[in-house]
């Protein structure tokens, strides 16, 4: 829940605080005429700055300044900030007493701490104001439903309702044995009616609080959730399992189980991946596509009639269609939107065969990356017809659409690329895509990019 934003807001606070700290130290140098005319700081100045930064880190750690910044109340947040400033003030003066050689003048320390106190408190106050405003007006609440109107489900609903900063709103419950309304919440229907409602209402997340004895129903809901691209969360009834009231707590925080780990649900990871996508794509656009597009475009025009680029509707994140760009590698034909390229396909032009073999035909998709429709690394986007066909044949097929599709992916570097003659080969591709979803890291993306380049140089027997 709030975990998806916690790391992002934590690092926003950390980076802002350290920027303000070092900005105040620099201003204090200027105000006290300590900044050398040469512009080159003495070594002991640099050591002092490093020590003061370490002091701030230690003081923040003691107080827990960066814990739960997204939903901690404003009062404790401001009070903790004052504690950190007080500890830092003592540490800064203690440095001068313990190590006179490395100390700054008293006026420098006083000016830097005074300015830092003002700017840090001003920043924290504005952050809290913005956070509060976002809670009330700016946050796009994610609508959720809860299956099971028992004590566990009610506790979760109460927790969500009392913590609007989490960004969730309970639409209601599905339960076979409850009255039309319970404790102020609507009972939307029977358990078997849940998925029909979820699909019609555009719900993207559901919580299952059914008793543990309904294991068959729980498994069925989990499978249906994957098929309809709904994130499934389970609220285990630990009271029933362990015969003790271990769920009761002051803030109603309950254990929530998910069928899989998704690192990219964390907004900090999502932002990091997006920064990598934009940076890498801009490099390709400037240093490769700037000359490849005119050159390849001219060759394609000389080879066959038709446009330079080929665009096709593909299934994107959350199964939203988008136009995927490629260099045209086939003669213009009426079957391009429903028929895969096959070995010896007569539609492929002479130039197109080389473009497909070398994967050069995929390069225009870096434009899709910059537009936000694709990522550098992710599950390959399939034609709409293939998504429709395979979603009914392969279990968990739609799970791959939780991710933004990619130019290359874990499936491709493991040999699952090109034509899929059998359902089994597509199932292997889906299995690899889900593994990537559960194991994402920036280093994994970089590894996949290098493997893709190596395979493009070496050539692949499945590329045709």
Protein backbone atom coordinates (compact mmCIF):
# COMPACT_ATOMS: atom_id res chain seq x y z
CA UNK A 1 0.00 0.00 0.00
CA UNK A 2 1.94 3.05 1.20
CA UNK A 3 5.12 1.03 0.60
CA UNK A 4 4.96 1.87 -3.09
CA UNK A 5 5.59 5.55 -2.26
CA UNK A 6 7.58 5.20 0.97
CA UNK A 7 11.05 4.81 -0.56
CA UNK A 8 10.47 7.59 -3.09
CA UNK A 9 9.40 10.16 -0.50
CA UNK A 10 12.13 9.04 1.88
CA UNK A 11 14.83 9.78 -0.69
CA UNK A 12 13.22 13.07 -1.66
CA UNK A 13 13.54 14.12 1.98
CA UNK A 14 17.08 12.74 2.35
CA UNK A 15 18.43 14.44 -0.78
CA UNK A 16 16.71 17.75 -0.01
CA UNK A 17 18.05 17.79 3.56
CA UNK A 18 21.62 17.09 2.47
CA UNK A 19 21.41 19.72 -0.26
CA UNK A 20 20.25 22.30 2.29
CA UNK A 21 22.94 21.23 4.76
CA UNK A 22 25.79 21.70 2.30
CA UNK A 23 24.23 24.86 0.86
CA UNK A 24 24.20 26.39 4.36
CA UNK A 25 27.83 25.39 4.95
CA UNK A 26 28.84 27.03 1.68
CA UNK A 27 26.89 30.24 2.46
CA UNK A 28 28.47 30.37 5.92
CA UNK A 29 31.91 30.23 4.29
CA UNK A 30 31.05 33.21 2.11
CA UNK A 31 29.46 35.25 4.91
CA UNK A 32 32.48 34.75 7.19
CA UNK A 33 35.05 35.38 4.41
CA UNK A 34 36.44 31.87 4.77
CA UNK A 35 36.12 30.88 1.12
CA UNK A 36 39.61 31.11 -0.45
CA UNK A 37 40.08 33.48 -3.37
CA UNK A 38 41.63 30.65 -5.38
CA UNK A 39 38.36 28.72 -5.13
CA UNK A 40 40.21 25.61 -3.92
CA UNK A 41 39.08 24.59 -0.43
CA UNK A 42 41.82 23.44 1.97
CA UNK A 43 41.82 19.75 2.77
CA UNK A 44 40.77 20.25 6.40
CA UNK A 45 37.70 22.19 5.15
CA UNK A 46 36.73 19.17 3.05
CA UNK A 47 37.29 16.83 6.00
CA UNK A 48 35.12 19.09 8.16
CA UNK A 49 32.33 19.12 5.61
CA UNK A 50 32.45 15.33 5.41
CA UNK A 51 32.34 15.01 9.21
CA UNK A 52 29.37 17.39 9.45
CA UNK A 53 27.50 15.37 6.82
CA UNK A 54 28.23 12.19 8.77
CA UNK A 55 27.03 13.89 11.95
CA UNK A 56 23.75 14.75 10.25
CA UNK A 57 23.36 11.15 9.06
CA UNK A 58 24.02 9.82 12.58
CA UNK A 59 21.66 12.30 14.27
CA UNK A 60 18.92 11.51 11.72
CA UNK A 61 19.42 7.78 12.32
CA UNK A 62 19.11 8.15 16.10
CA UNK A 63 15.87 10.13 15.84
CA UNK A 64 14.43 8.12 12.94
CA UNK A 65 13.97 11.27 10.87
CA UNK A 66 13.36 9.45 7.60
CA UNK A 67 11.12 6.65 8.85
CA UNK A 68 7.57 6.57 7.46
CA UNK A 69 7.72 10.08 6.01
CA UNK A 70 4.63 9.48 3.93
CA UNK A 71 2.11 8.89 6.67
CA UNK A 72 3.71 10.02 9.95
CA UNK A 73 1.73 12.85 11.54
CA UNK A 74 2.88 16.46 11.09
CA UNK A 75 3.51 17.13 14.81
CA UNK A 76 5.97 14.27 15.37
CA UNK A 77 7.67 15.06 12.05
CA UNK A 78 8.40 18.68 13.04
CA UNK A 79 9.42 17.64 16.58
CA UNK A 80 11.84 15.02 15.24
CA UNK A 81 13.34 17.65 12.93
CA UNK A 82 13.98 19.91 15.97
CA UNK A 83 15.64 16.99 17.78
CA UNK A 84 17.93 16.34 14.82
CA UNK A 85 18.89 20.02 14.60
CA UNK A 86 19.66 20.12 18.35
CA UNK A 87 21.82 16.99 18.17
CA UNK A 88 23.58 18.30 15.06
CA UNK A 89 24.21 21.66 16.79
CA UNK A 90 25.84 19.86 19.74
CA UNK A 91 27.89 17.64 17.44
CA UNK A 92 29.12 20.61 15.38
CA UNK A 93 30.35 22.48 18.47
CA UNK A 94 31.72 19.28 19.96
CA UNK A 95 33.88 18.86 16.86
CA UNK A 96 35.64 22.14 17.63
CA UNK A 97 36.24 21.17 21.23
CA UNK A 98 37.57 17.69 20.50
CA UNK A 99 39.56 18.53 17.34
CA UNK A 100 40.57 22.23 17.44
CA UNK A 101 42.72 21.82 14.36
CA UNK A 102 39.73 20.84 12.25
CA UNK A 103 37.24 23.28 13.76
CA UNK A 104 35.63 26.26 12.05
CA UNK A 105 35.26 29.60 13.84
CA UNK A 106 32.34 29.87 16.25
CA UNK A 107 30.62 32.44 14.00
CA UNK A 108 30.74 30.06 11.05
CA UNK A 109 29.12 27.24 13.01
CA UNK A 110 26.49 29.56 14.47
CA UNK A 111 25.58 31.06 11.08
CA UNK A 112 25.45 27.71 9.30
CA UNK A 113 23.29 26.08 12.00
CA UNK A 114 20.94 29.09 12.22
CA UNK A 115 20.43 29.18 8.43
CA UNK A 116 20.05 25.40 8.28
CA UNK A 117 17.44 25.46 11.07
CA UNK A 118 15.36 28.04 9.22
CA UNK A 119 15.59 26.36 5.80
CA UNK A 120 15.04 22.81 7.10
CA UNK A 121 11.97 23.80 9.14
CA UNK A 122 10.64 25.83 6.21
CA UNK A 123 11.13 22.88 3.87
CA UNK A 124 9.55 20.36 6.25
CA UNK A 125 6.56 22.65 6.82
CA UNK A 126 5.98 23.05 3.08
CA UNK A 127 6.45 19.32 2.48
CA UNK A 128 3.79 18.56 5.08
CA UNK A 129 1.43 21.16 3.57
CA UNK A 130 1.90 19.68 0.09
CA UNK A 131 1.46 16.16 1.47
CA UNK A 132 -1.76 17.15 3.19
CA UNK A 133 -3.08 18.83 0.06
CA UNK A 134 -2.21 15.76 -1.99
CA UNK A 135 -4.12 13.57 0.41
CA UNK A 136 -7.27 15.62 0.14
CA UNK A 137 -7.37 16.95 -3.41
CA UNK A 138 -4.58 15.68 -5.66
CA UNK A 139 -4.34 11.99 -4.87
CA UNK A 140 -5.97 9.76 -7.44
CA UNK A 141 -7.48 7.18 -5.13
CA UNK A 142 -7.18 3.56 -6.17
CA UNK A 143 -10.55 1.88 -5.84
CA UNK A 144 -10.47 -1.51 -4.13
CA UNK A 145 -13.01 -4.15 -3.14
CA UNK A 146 -12.80 -6.59 -0.25
CA UNK A 147 -14.05 -10.15 -0.60
CA UNK A 148 -15.27 -11.30 2.81
CA UNK A 149 -17.11 -9.05 5.25
CA UNK A 150 -15.81 -10.79 8.38
CA UNK A 151 -13.72 -9.22 11.18
CA UNK A 152 -10.48 -9.26 9.16
CA UNK A 153 -12.08 -7.61 6.12
CA UNK A 154 -13.73 -4.98 8.32
CA UNK A 155 -10.44 -4.17 10.03
CA UNK A 156 -8.78 -3.63 6.67
CA UNK A 157 -11.64 -1.40 5.48
CA UNK A 158 -11.43 0.67 8.66
CA UNK A 159 -7.65 0.98 8.32
CA UNK A 160 -7.92 2.16 4.70
CA UNK A 161 -10.71 4.62 5.53
CA UNK A 162 -8.81 6.11 8.47
CA UNK A 163 -5.59 6.53 6.46
CA UNK A 164 -6.50 8.49 3.29
CA UNK A 165 -2.81 9.19 2.61
CA UNK A 166 -2.49 5.59 1.43
CA UNK A 167 -4.45 6.55 -1.69
CA UNK A 168 -7.06 3.78 -1.47
CA UNK A 169 -10.83 3.87 -1.33
CA UNK A 170 -13.01 0.88 -0.41
CA UNK A 171 -15.88 0.54 -2.87
CA UNK A 172 -17.54 -2.18 -0.85
CA UNK A 173 -17.61 -5.87 0.04
CA UNK A 174 -18.54 -9.13 -1.61
CA UNK A 175 -19.88 -11.73 0.79
CA UNK A 176 -22.38 -14.59 0.60
CA UNK A 177 -23.68 -14.24 4.13
CA UNK A 178 -23.82 -10.51 4.90
CA UNK A 179 -26.71 -8.03 4.91
CA UNK A 180 -26.92 -5.39 2.11
CA UNK A 181 -24.97 -2.98 4.32
CA UNK A 182 -22.63 -3.60 7.24
CA UNK A 183 -20.92 -1.09 9.53
CA UNK A 184 -21.46 1.67 6.99
CA UNK A 185 -20.01 -0.29 4.04
CA UNK A 186 -21.97 -1.52 1.02
CA UNK A 187 -22.27 -5.22 0.27
CA UNK A 188 -21.97 -5.20 -3.51
CA UNK A 189 -22.95 -8.80 -4.11
CA UNK A 190 -22.07 -12.45 -3.70
CA UNK A 191 -18.48 -13.70 -3.95
CA UNK A 192 -19.13 -15.24 -7.38
CA UNK A 193 -20.26 -11.82 -8.67
CA UNK A 194 -17.00 -10.16 -7.68
CA UNK A 195 -14.99 -10.46 -10.90
CA UNK A 196 -17.87 -9.26 -13.10
CA UNK A 197 -18.15 -6.11 -10.97
CA UNK A 198 -14.38 -5.60 -10.86
CA UNK A 199 -14.09 -5.78 -14.65
CA UNK A 200 -17.06 -3.45 -15.26
CA UNK A 201 -15.95 -0.87 -12.67
CA UNK A 202 -12.28 -0.81 -13.66
CA UNK A 203 -11.06 -2.00 -10.24
CA UNK A 204 -7.33 -2.80 -10.30
CA UNK A 205 -6.83 -4.19 -6.80
CA UNK A 206 -8.81 -6.52 -4.56
CA UNK A 207 -8.39 -7.86 -1.04
CA UNK A 208 -9.51 -11.35 -0.11
CA UNK A 209 -10.51 -11.79 3.53
CA UNK A 210 -12.35 -15.10 3.16
CA UNK A 211 -11.88 -17.73 5.89
CA UNK A 212 -8.98 -20.12 5.36
CA UNK A 213 -11.41 -23.01 4.93
CA UNK A 214 -12.56 -21.47 1.60
CA UNK A 215 -9.23 -22.34 -0.01
CA UNK A 216 -10.80 -23.50 -3.28
CA UNK A 217 -12.66 -20.22 -3.69
CA UNK A 218 -9.52 -18.23 -2.81
CA UNK A 219 -7.46 -20.05 -5.46
CA UNK A 220 -10.18 -19.51 -8.04
CA UNK A 221 -10.31 -15.77 -7.28
CA UNK A 222 -6.52 -15.57 -7.51
CA UNK A 223 -6.54 -17.13 -11.00
CA UNK A 224 -9.41 -14.92 -12.17
CA UNK A 225 -7.62 -11.83 -10.83
CA UNK A 226 -4.52 -12.65 -12.89
CA UNK A 227 -6.66 -13.19 -15.99
CA UNK A 228 -8.41 -9.83 -15.53
CA UNK A 229 -5.15 -8.03 -14.60
CA UNK A 230 -6.29 -7.25 -11.07
CA UNK A 231 -3.69 -7.29 -8.29
CA UNK A 232 -4.77 -9.84 -5.72
CA UNK A 233 -4.03 -9.32 -2.02
CA UNK A 234 -4.90 -11.86 0.63
CA UNK A 235 -5.66 -11.05 4.27
CA UNK A 236 -4.93 -14.27 6.19
CA UNK A 237 -7.09 -14.95 9.21
CA UNK A 238 -4.24 -15.65 11.63
CA UNK A 239 -6.69 -15.87 14.51
CA UNK A 240 -8.20 -18.98 12.95
CA UNK A 241 -4.78 -20.47 12.21
CA UNK A 242 -3.11 -19.81 15.54
CA UNK A 243 -6.14 -19.44 17.82
CA UNK A 244 -4.94 -16.15 19.26
CA UNK A 245 -5.70 -12.53 18.60
CA UNK A 246 -2.46 -11.50 16.95
CA UNK A 247 -4.05 -9.07 14.49
CA UNK A 248 -5.22 -6.56 17.06
CA UNK A 249 -3.08 -3.44 17.21
CA UNK A 250 -3.50 0.26 17.83
CA UNK A 251 -3.25 1.25 14.19
CA UNK A 252 -4.97 -1.82 12.63
CA UNK A 253 -2.00 -2.69 10.44
CA UNK A 254 -2.75 -6.16 9.13
CA UNK A 255 -0.58 -8.73 7.35
CA UNK A 256 -1.26 -8.60 3.62
CA UNK A 257 -0.07 -11.42 1.35
CA UNK A 258 0.49 -11.12 -2.40
CA UNK A 259 0.93 -14.02 -4.84
CA UNK A 260 4.11 -12.42 -6.19
CA UNK A 261 6.71 -9.74 -5.44
CA UNK A 262 6.71 -6.74 -7.81
CA UNK A 263 9.76 -4.50 -7.28
CA UNK A 264 8.40 -1.98 -9.80
CA UNK A 265 5.35 -1.34 -7.62
CA UNK A 266 7.77 0.69 -5.54
CA UNK A 267 7.61 4.19 -7.01
CA UNK A 268 11.30 4.80 -6.35
CA UNK A 269 12.19 1.77 -8.50
CA UNK A 270 9.68 2.85 -11.14
CA UNK A 271 11.26 6.32 -11.26
CA UNK A 272 14.77 4.83 -11.46
CA UNK A 273 13.74 2.61 -14.38
CA UNK A 274 12.13 5.56 -16.16
CA UNK A 275 15.28 7.68 -15.75
CA UNK A 276 17.32 4.83 -17.25
CA UNK A 277 14.85 4.48 -20.13
CA UNK A 278 14.92 8.18 -21.00
CA UNK A 279 18.71 8.52 -20.65
CA UNK A 280 19.48 5.42 -22.72
CA UNK A 281 16.89 6.28 -25.39
CA UNK A 282 18.18 9.82 -25.78
CA UNK A 283 21.70 8.45 -26.33
CA UNK A 284 20.40 6.07 -29.01
CA UNK A 285 18.32 8.84 -30.60
CA UNK A 286 21.23 11.31 -30.79
CA UNK A 287 24.11 8.99 -31.67
CA UNK A 288 22.38 6.22 -33.64
CA UNK A 289 18.90 7.07 -34.93
CA UNK A 290 19.96 10.55 -36.07
CA UNK A 291 21.86 8.96 -38.98
CA UNK A 292 20.32 5.46 -39.12
CA UNK A 293 16.79 6.73 -39.87
CA UNK A 294 17.78 8.69 -43.03
CA UNK A 295 20.10 5.92 -44.23
CA UNK A 296 17.74 2.98 -43.61
CA UNK A 297 14.77 5.02 -44.81
CA UNK A 298 16.46 5.63 -48.15
CA UNK A 299 17.39 1.95 -48.53
CA UNK A 300 13.82 0.83 -47.70
CA UNK A 301 12.40 3.25 -50.27
CA UNK A 302 14.79 2.02 -52.96
CA UNK A 303 13.99 -1.63 -52.15
CA UNK A 304 10.19 -1.60 -52.16
CA UNK A 305 7.12 0.60 -52.33
CA UNK A 306 5.51 1.78 -49.13
CA UNK A 307 6.25 3.86 -46.04
CA UNK A 308 9.59 3.81 -44.19
CA UNK A 309 7.95 3.15 -40.85
CA UNK A 310 5.46 0.48 -39.93
CA UNK A 311 3.13 1.10 -36.98
CA UNK A 312 0.89 -1.49 -35.41
CA UNK A 313 -1.47 -1.55 -32.44
CA UNK A 314 0.06 -3.63 -29.66
CA UNK A 315 -0.98 -4.48 -26.10
CA UNK A 316 0.66 -2.16 -23.59
CA UNK A 317 0.75 -1.78 -19.83
CA UNK A 318 -2.59 -2.69 -18.22
CA UNK A 319 -3.53 -4.04 -21.67
CA UNK A 320 -3.95 -0.52 -23.06
CA UNK A 321 -3.31 -0.51 -26.84
CA UNK A 322 -0.64 1.73 -28.34
CA UNK A 323 1.01 2.16 -31.73
CA UNK A 324 4.37 0.37 -31.84
CA UNK A 325 6.89 1.75 -34.38
CA UNK A 326 9.28 -0.29 -36.52
CA UNK A 327 11.17 0.06 -39.76
CA UNK A 328 9.00 -1.54 -42.44
CA UNK A 329 10.49 -4.94 -43.27
CA UNK A 330 7.63 -6.41 -45.31
CA UNK A 331 5.77 -5.54 -48.44
CA UNK A 332 2.52 -3.77 -47.63
CA UNK A 333 -0.07 -6.49 -46.94
CA UNK A 334 -3.49 -6.99 -45.36
CA UNK A 335 -2.37 -9.71 -42.89
CA UNK A 336 0.17 -7.67 -40.91
CA UNK A 337 -2.15 -7.20 -37.89
CA UNK A 338 -3.05 -10.84 -37.36
CA UNK A 339 -0.30 -13.03 -38.84
CA UNK A 340 3.21 -13.46 -37.43
CA UNK A 341 6.26 -13.53 -39.62
CA UNK A 342 7.33 -17.11 -40.39
CA UNK A 343 10.55 -18.64 -41.67
CA UNK A 344 10.77 -17.99 -45.40
CA UNK A 345 7.82 -15.55 -45.22
CA UNK A 346 7.25 -14.21 -48.74
CA UNK A 347 6.06 -10.88 -47.33
CA UNK A 348 9.55 -10.03 -46.00
CA UNK A 349 11.58 -7.90 -48.40
CA UNK A 350 15.28 -8.44 -49.12
CA UNK A 351 16.25 -5.41 -47.03
CA UNK A 352 13.65 -6.40 -44.44
CA UNK A 353 15.27 -9.79 -43.97
CA UNK A 354 18.53 -8.11 -42.98
CA UNK A 355 16.76 -5.59 -40.75
CA UNK A 356 14.91 -8.34 -38.90
CA UNK A 357 17.97 -10.60 -38.60
CA UNK A 358 20.04 -7.77 -37.11
CA UNK A 359 17.09 -6.35 -35.06
CA UNK A 360 17.64 -2.95 -36.67
CA UNK A 361 13.92 -2.89 -37.52
CA UNK A 362 13.20 -2.49 -33.77
CA UNK A 363 15.26 0.71 -33.32
CA UNK A 364 12.36 3.17 -33.90
CA UNK A 365 10.79 1.76 -30.74
CA UNK A 366 13.13 4.02 -28.77
CA UNK A 367 10.68 6.73 -29.82
CA UNK A 368 7.97 4.68 -28.09
CA UNK A 369 10.18 4.63 -24.98
CA UNK A 370 10.48 8.42 -24.95
CA UNK A 371 6.71 8.69 -25.39
CA UNK A 372 6.24 6.46 -22.34
CA UNK A 373 4.46 3.63 -24.19
CA UNK A 374 7.43 1.27 -23.87
CA UNK A 375 10.51 0.62 -21.77
CA UNK A 376 13.98 -0.37 -22.94
CA UNK A 377 13.56 -3.70 -21.12
CA UNK A 378 10.26 -5.47 -20.49
CA UNK A 379 7.90 -8.07 -21.96
CA UNK A 380 7.62 -7.77 -25.72
CA UNK A 381 4.28 -6.22 -26.78
CA UNK A 382 2.07 -8.61 -28.71
CA UNK A 383 -0.48 -7.95 -31.40
CA UNK A 384 -3.99 -7.38 -30.05
CA UNK A 385 -5.24 -10.58 -31.66
CA UNK A 386 -2.50 -12.66 -30.04
CA UNK A 387 -3.27 -11.15 -26.64
CA UNK A 388 -6.91 -12.08 -27.11
CA UNK A 389 -6.09 -15.61 -28.28
CA UNK A 390 -3.41 -16.52 -25.74
CA UNK A 391 -5.14 -14.97 -22.72
CA UNK A 392 -7.70 -17.77 -22.87
CA UNK A 393 -5.13 -20.54 -23.42
CA UNK A 394 -2.21 -19.71 -21.10
CA UNK A 395 -2.59 -19.37 -17.36
CA UNK A 396 -1.18 -16.08 -15.99
CA UNK A 397 -0.73 -14.73 -19.53
CA UNK A 398 -2.21 -11.33 -18.63
CA UNK A 399 0.15 -10.89 -15.64
CA UNK A 400 2.89 -9.77 -18.05
CA UNK A 401 0.77 -6.68 -18.77
CA UNK A 402 1.37 -5.37 -15.25
CA UNK A 403 4.65 -4.13 -16.76
CA UNK A 404 5.40 -1.58 -19.46
CA UNK A 405 6.37 -3.56 -22.59
CA UNK A 406 9.99 -3.43 -23.71
CA UNK A 407 12.15 -3.36 -26.81
CA UNK A 408 13.96 -6.39 -25.42
CA UNK A 409 13.38 -8.60 -22.41
CA UNK A 410 14.42 -11.56 -20.32
CA UNK A 411 12.45 -13.90 -22.58
CA UNK A 412 14.23 -12.64 -25.70
CA UNK A 413 17.78 -12.99 -24.35
CA UNK A 414 16.90 -16.53 -23.26
CA UNK A 415 15.94 -17.53 -26.79
CA UNK A 416 12.16 -17.03 -26.66
CA UNK A 417 11.77 -14.62 -29.54
CA UNK A 418 10.31 -14.56 -33.00
CA UNK A 419 7.51 -16.82 -34.20
CA UNK A 420 5.59 -18.87 -31.63
CA UNK A 421 4.35 -21.96 -33.47
CA UNK A 422 3.08 -23.72 -30.36
CA UNK A 423 1.26 -22.60 -27.24
CA UNK A 424 4.04 -24.17 -25.18
CA UNK A 425 6.65 -21.80 -26.62
CA UNK A 426 4.45 -18.81 -25.76
CA UNK A 427 3.96 -20.21 -22.24
CA UNK A 428 7.75 -20.32 -21.82
CA UNK A 429 7.94 -16.69 -22.92
CA UNK A 430 5.23 -15.73 -20.41
CA UNK A 431 7.05 -17.63 -17.67
CA UNK A 432 10.23 -15.66 -18.41
CA UNK A 433 8.31 -12.36 -18.43
CA UNK A 434 6.77 -13.09 -15.02
CA UNK A 435 10.20 -14.03 -13.65
CA UNK A 436 11.46 -10.62 -14.82
CA UNK A 437 8.47 -8.89 -13.16
CA UNK A 438 9.29 -10.58 -9.83
CA UNK A 439 13.08 -10.11 -10.00
CA UNK A 440 13.54 -6.68 -11.59
CA UNK A 441 16.60 -4.62 -10.76
CA UNK A 442 18.48 -1.91 -12.63
CA UNK A 443 21.50 -4.23 -12.92
CA UNK A 444 19.25 -6.88 -14.50
CA UNK A 445 18.08 -4.33 -17.09
CA UNK A 446 21.69 -3.42 -17.90
CA UNK A 447 22.59 -7.12 -18.19
CA UNK A 448 19.68 -7.73 -20.59
CA UNK A 449 20.73 -4.74 -22.73
CA UNK A 450 24.29 -6.09 -23.05
CA UNK A 451 23.04 -9.60 -23.85
CA UNK A 452 20.71 -8.16 -26.49
CA UNK A 453 23.55 -6.25 -28.17
CA UNK A 454 25.73 -9.37 -28.12
CA UNK A 455 22.98 -11.50 -29.65
CA UNK A 456 22.32 -8.86 -32.32
CA UNK A 457 26.02 -8.97 -33.28
CA UNK A 458 26.14 -12.76 -33.19
CA UNK A 459 22.76 -13.22 -34.84
CA UNK A 460 19.83 -15.37 -33.77
CA UNK A 461 18.31 -18.32 -35.59
CA UNK A 462 14.85 -17.25 -34.37
CA UNK A 463 15.12 -13.81 -35.97
CA UNK A 464 13.43 -13.82 -39.37
